[in-house]
Amino acid sequence: MKKDEALNILKNKGHKNIVEVSFPENHVNQSHTHPFNAEIIIVAGGMKVTIGGDEKNLAVGDQLELAANLEHSEHIGPGGVTYLAARP
């Protein structure tokens, strides 16, 4: 999925604060929370998001919604990852 396609999807859902986020290959974001709801769309690479005991492998075009204060971790794949994130 191209960035402009992902951007249009998020805008059509009413999101106004949309940022591009990238992490290098094999990067790990240990368990953490955000004080806001977030929605992401992967535009390059991939990552595994773990929420509780549930693992979600995300690749290009995949979308994920995270509720505020939901504890999760992120393990970035061998090619790194870039995603668009909508948040307040």
N, C-alpha and C. Protein backbone atom coordinates (compact mmCIF):
# COMPACT_ATOMS: atom_id res chain seq x y z
N MET A 1 0.84 -1.17 0.00
CA MET A 1 0.00 0.00 0.00
C MET A 1 0.89 1.24 0.00
N LYS A 2 0.54 2.18 -0.82
CA LYS A 2 1.30 3.43 -0.90
C LYS A 2 0.88 4.37 0.22
N LYS A 3 1.79 5.27 0.58
CA LYS A 3 1.53 6.21 1.67
C LYS A 3 0.28 7.04 1.42
N ASP A 4 0.10 7.50 0.18
CA ASP A 4 -1.07 8.35 -0.09
C ASP A 4 -2.38 7.58 0.07
N GLU A 5 -2.38 6.29 -0.25
CA GLU A 5 -3.57 5.47 -0.04
C GLU A 5 -3.88 5.34 1.45
N ALA A 6 -2.86 5.05 2.24
CA ALA A 6 -3.03 4.92 3.68
C ALA A 6 -3.49 6.24 4.29
N LEU A 7 -2.90 7.33 3.83
CA LEU A 7 -3.28 8.65 4.32
C LEU A 7 -4.75 8.93 4.04
N ASN A 8 -5.20 8.60 2.83
CA ASN A 8 -6.60 8.82 2.48
C ASN A 8 -7.54 7.98 3.34
N ILE A 9 -7.17 6.74 3.63
CA ILE A 9 -7.99 5.88 4.49
C ILE A 9 -8.16 6.52 5.86
N LEU A 10 -7.05 6.96 6.44
CA LEU A 10 -7.11 7.56 7.77
C LEU A 10 -7.87 8.88 7.76
N LYS A 11 -7.67 9.71 6.75
CA LYS A 11 -8.41 10.97 6.65
C LYS A 11 -9.90 10.72 6.48
N ASN A 12 -10.26 9.71 5.69
CA ASN A 12 -11.67 9.40 5.48
C ASN A 12 -12.35 8.89 6.74
N LYS A 13 -11.56 8.41 7.69
CA LYS A 13 -12.10 8.00 8.99
C LYS A 13 -12.20 9.17 9.95
N GLY A 14 -11.81 10.36 9.49
CA GLY A 14 -11.92 11.56 10.30
C GLY A 14 -10.67 11.95 11.07
N HIS A 15 -9.58 11.23 10.85
CA HIS A 15 -8.34 11.56 11.56
C HIS A 15 -7.69 12.79 10.94
N LYS A 16 -7.19 13.66 11.81
CA LYS A 16 -6.52 14.87 11.34
C LYS A 16 -5.05 14.89 11.71
N ASN A 17 -4.67 14.28 12.82
CA ASN A 17 -3.28 14.25 13.26
C ASN A 17 -2.67 12.92 12.84
N ILE A 18 -2.01 12.91 11.69
CA ILE A 18 -1.43 11.69 11.12
C ILE A 18 0.07 11.91 10.94
N VAL A 19 0.85 11.00 11.51
CA VAL A 19 2.31 11.12 11.43
C VAL A 19 2.90 9.86 10.82
N GLU A 20 4.07 10.00 10.22
CA GLU A 20 4.81 8.86 9.70
C GLU A 20 5.84 8.43 10.74
N VAL A 21 5.88 7.13 11.01
CA VAL A 21 6.80 6.58 12.01
C VAL A 21 7.61 5.48 11.35
N SER A 22 8.92 5.47 11.60
CA SER A 22 9.81 4.42 11.09
C SER A 22 10.70 3.90 12.20
N PHE A 23 10.98 2.60 12.15
CA PHE A 23 11.94 1.97 13.06
C PHE A 23 12.85 1.08 12.23
N PRO A 24 14.12 0.97 12.64
CA PRO A 24 15.07 0.12 11.91
C PRO A 24 14.80 -1.36 12.15
N GLU A 25 15.41 -2.18 11.32
CA GLU A 25 15.24 -3.63 11.43
C GLU A 25 15.60 -4.14 12.82
N ASN A 26 14.83 -5.11 13.27
CA ASN A 26 15.05 -5.81 14.53
C ASN A 26 14.96 -4.93 15.78
N HIS A 27 14.44 -3.73 15.65
CA HIS A 27 14.23 -2.85 16.80
C HIS A 27 13.12 -3.42 17.68
N VAL A 28 13.21 -3.21 18.98
CA VAL A 28 12.18 -3.68 19.91
C VAL A 28 11.72 -2.51 20.77
N ASN A 29 10.41 -2.27 20.80
CA ASN A 29 9.81 -1.34 21.75
C ASN A 29 9.18 -2.20 22.83
N GLN A 30 9.82 -2.22 24.00
CA GLN A 30 9.33 -3.03 25.10
C GLN A 30 7.90 -2.63 25.48
N SER A 31 7.29 -3.41 26.31
CA SER A 31 5.91 -3.20 26.72
C SER A 31 5.70 -1.77 27.22
N HIS A 32 4.67 -1.11 26.65
CA HIS A 32 4.38 0.28 26.98
C HIS A 32 2.91 0.59 26.67
N THR A 33 2.48 1.77 27.03
CA THR A 33 1.13 2.24 26.72
C THR A 33 1.21 3.64 26.14
N HIS A 34 0.10 4.09 25.58
CA HIS A 34 -0.05 5.47 25.11
C HIS A 34 -1.30 6.04 25.78
N PRO A 35 -1.29 7.32 26.15
CA PRO A 35 -2.47 7.90 26.80
C PRO A 35 -3.55 8.33 25.80
N PHE A 36 -3.53 7.77 24.60
CA PHE A 36 -4.48 8.15 23.55
C PHE A 36 -4.78 6.93 22.68
N ASN A 37 -5.92 6.96 22.00
CA ASN A 37 -6.24 5.95 20.99
C ASN A 37 -5.34 6.19 19.78
N ALA A 38 -4.97 5.12 19.10
CA ALA A 38 -4.14 5.25 17.90
C ALA A 38 -4.60 4.23 16.86
N GLU A 39 -4.41 4.59 15.62
CA GLU A 39 -4.68 3.67 14.51
C GLU A 39 -3.51 3.76 13.56
N ILE A 40 -2.99 2.60 13.13
CA ILE A 40 -1.84 2.60 12.23
C ILE A 40 -2.14 1.80 10.97
N ILE A 41 -1.42 2.16 9.91
CA ILE A 41 -1.44 1.39 8.66
C ILE A 41 0.02 1.22 8.24
N ILE A 42 0.43 -0.02 8.02
CA ILE A 42 1.81 -0.31 7.61
C ILE A 42 1.97 0.05 6.13
N VAL A 43 3.02 0.83 5.81
CA VAL A 43 3.28 1.20 4.42
C VAL A 43 4.59 0.63 3.88
N ALA A 44 5.44 0.10 4.76
CA ALA A 44 6.68 -0.56 4.32
C ALA A 44 7.16 -1.48 5.44
N GLY A 45 7.71 -2.62 5.07
CA GLY A 45 8.26 -3.54 6.06
C GLY A 45 7.19 -4.26 6.86
N GLY A 46 7.53 -4.58 8.10
CA GLY A 46 6.58 -5.28 8.94
C GLY A 46 7.03 -5.33 10.38
N MET A 47 6.09 -5.74 11.25
CA MET A 47 6.40 -5.86 12.66
C MET A 47 5.39 -6.78 13.33
N LYS A 48 5.77 -7.23 14.52
CA LYS A 48 4.88 -8.03 15.34
C LYS A 48 4.50 -7.18 16.54
N VAL A 49 3.19 -7.06 16.79
CA VAL A 49 2.69 -6.34 17.94
C VAL A 49 2.10 -7.37 18.90
N THR A 50 2.50 -7.31 20.15
CA THR A 50 1.99 -8.23 21.16
C THR A 50 1.13 -7.45 22.14
N ILE A 51 -0.12 -7.90 22.26
CA ILE A 51 -1.09 -7.28 23.17
C ILE A 51 -1.57 -8.40 24.09
N GLY A 52 -1.20 -8.32 25.37
CA GLY A 52 -1.48 -9.45 26.25
C GLY A 52 -0.70 -10.64 25.72
N GLY A 53 -1.35 -11.76 25.53
CA GLY A 53 -0.69 -12.92 24.94
C GLY A 53 -0.94 -13.07 23.46
N ASP A 54 -1.61 -12.09 22.86
CA ASP A 54 -2.00 -12.16 21.46
C ASP A 54 -0.96 -11.46 20.59
N GLU A 55 -0.38 -12.20 19.64
CA GLU A 55 0.60 -11.64 18.72
C GLU A 55 -0.05 -11.38 17.37
N LYS A 56 0.19 -10.19 16.83
CA LYS A 56 -0.33 -9.82 15.52
C LYS A 56 0.86 -9.49 14.63
N ASN A 57 1.01 -10.24 13.55
CA ASN A 57 2.06 -9.95 12.57
C ASN A 57 1.48 -9.02 11.52
N LEU A 58 2.07 -7.85 11.41
CA LEU A 58 1.57 -6.82 10.50
C LEU A 58 2.53 -6.64 9.33
N ALA A 59 1.96 -6.58 8.13
CA ALA A 59 2.73 -6.36 6.90
C ALA A 59 2.10 -5.19 6.15
N VAL A 60 2.69 -4.84 5.03
CA VAL A 60 2.21 -3.71 4.24
C VAL A 60 0.71 -3.84 3.97
N GLY A 61 -0.01 -2.74 4.27
CA GLY A 61 -1.46 -2.69 4.07
C GLY A 61 -2.26 -3.06 5.29
N ASP A 62 -1.64 -3.70 6.27
CA ASP A 62 -2.37 -4.08 7.49
C ASP A 62 -2.63 -2.86 8.35
N GLN A 63 -3.77 -2.92 9.05
CA GLN A 63 -4.18 -1.83 9.93
C GLN A 63 -4.35 -2.37 11.34
N LEU A 64 -4.14 -1.50 12.32
CA LEU A 64 -4.31 -1.89 13.72
C LEU A 64 -4.80 -0.68 14.49
N GLU A 65 -5.83 -0.91 15.32
CA GLU A 65 -6.32 0.12 16.22
C GLU A 65 -5.93 -0.25 17.64
N LEU A 66 -5.39 0.71 18.37
CA LEU A 66 -5.01 0.50 19.76
C LEU A 66 -5.78 1.49 20.64
N ALA A 67 -6.43 0.96 21.66
CA ALA A 67 -7.14 1.81 22.61
C ALA A 67 -6.13 2.48 23.54
N ALA A 68 -6.51 3.62 24.06
CA ALA A 68 -5.66 4.32 25.02
C ALA A 68 -5.35 3.40 26.20
N ASN A 69 -4.12 3.50 26.68
CA ASN A 69 -3.65 2.77 27.86
C ASN A 69 -3.61 1.26 27.70
N LEU A 70 -3.67 0.76 26.47
CA LEU A 70 -3.57 -0.68 26.20
C LEU A 70 -2.09 -1.06 26.14
N GLU A 71 -1.66 -1.92 27.05
CA GLU A 71 -0.25 -2.31 27.09
C GLU A 71 0.08 -3.19 25.90
N HIS A 72 1.19 -2.88 25.23
CA HIS A 72 1.61 -3.63 24.05
C HIS A 72 3.12 -3.48 23.85
N SER A 73 3.70 -4.38 23.05
CA SER A 73 5.10 -4.27 22.66
C SER A 73 5.19 -4.43 21.14
N GLU A 74 6.31 -3.99 20.58
CA GLU A 74 6.50 -4.03 19.13
C GLU A 74 7.87 -4.61 18.81
N HIS A 75 7.90 -5.58 17.93
CA HIS A 75 9.14 -6.20 17.47
C HIS A 75 9.21 -5.99 15.97
N ILE A 76 10.16 -5.19 15.53
CA ILE A 76 10.28 -4.82 14.13
C ILE A 76 10.98 -5.92 13.35
N GLY A 77 10.50 -6.17 12.15
CA GLY A 77 11.03 -7.23 11.30
C GLY A 77 12.40 -6.90 10.73
N PRO A 78 12.97 -7.86 9.97
CA PRO A 78 14.32 -7.70 9.43
C PRO A 78 14.46 -6.58 8.40
N GLY A 79 13.37 -6.11 7.83
CA GLY A 79 13.45 -5.02 6.85
C GLY A 79 13.08 -3.67 7.42
N GLY A 80 12.91 -3.58 8.76
CA GLY A 80 12.45 -2.34 9.35
C GLY A 80 10.96 -2.16 9.11
N VAL A 81 10.41 -1.04 9.51
CA VAL A 81 8.99 -0.77 9.30
C VAL A 81 8.76 0.73 9.19
N THR A 82 7.80 1.09 8.37
CA THR A 82 7.27 2.45 8.30
C THR A 82 5.76 2.35 8.31
N TYR A 83 5.14 3.15 9.16
CA TYR A 83 3.68 3.17 9.19
C TYR A 83 3.17 4.58 9.40
N LEU A 84 1.93 4.80 9.00
CA LEU A 84 1.25 6.04 9.30
C LEU A 84 0.44 5.81 10.56
N ALA A 85 0.52 6.75 11.50
CA ALA A 85 -0.18 6.63 12.77
C ALA A 85 -1.11 7.83 12.94
N ALA A 86 -2.37 7.55 13.21
CA ALA A 86 -3.34 8.60 13.49
C ALA A 86 -3.58 8.61 14.99
N ARG A 87 -3.47 9.78 15.57
CA ARG A 87 -3.69 9.94 17.00
C ARG A 87 -4.16 11.36 17.27
N PRO A 88 -4.77 11.55 18.43
CA PRO A 88 -5.30 12.90 18.72
C PRO A 88 -4.21 13.94 18.86
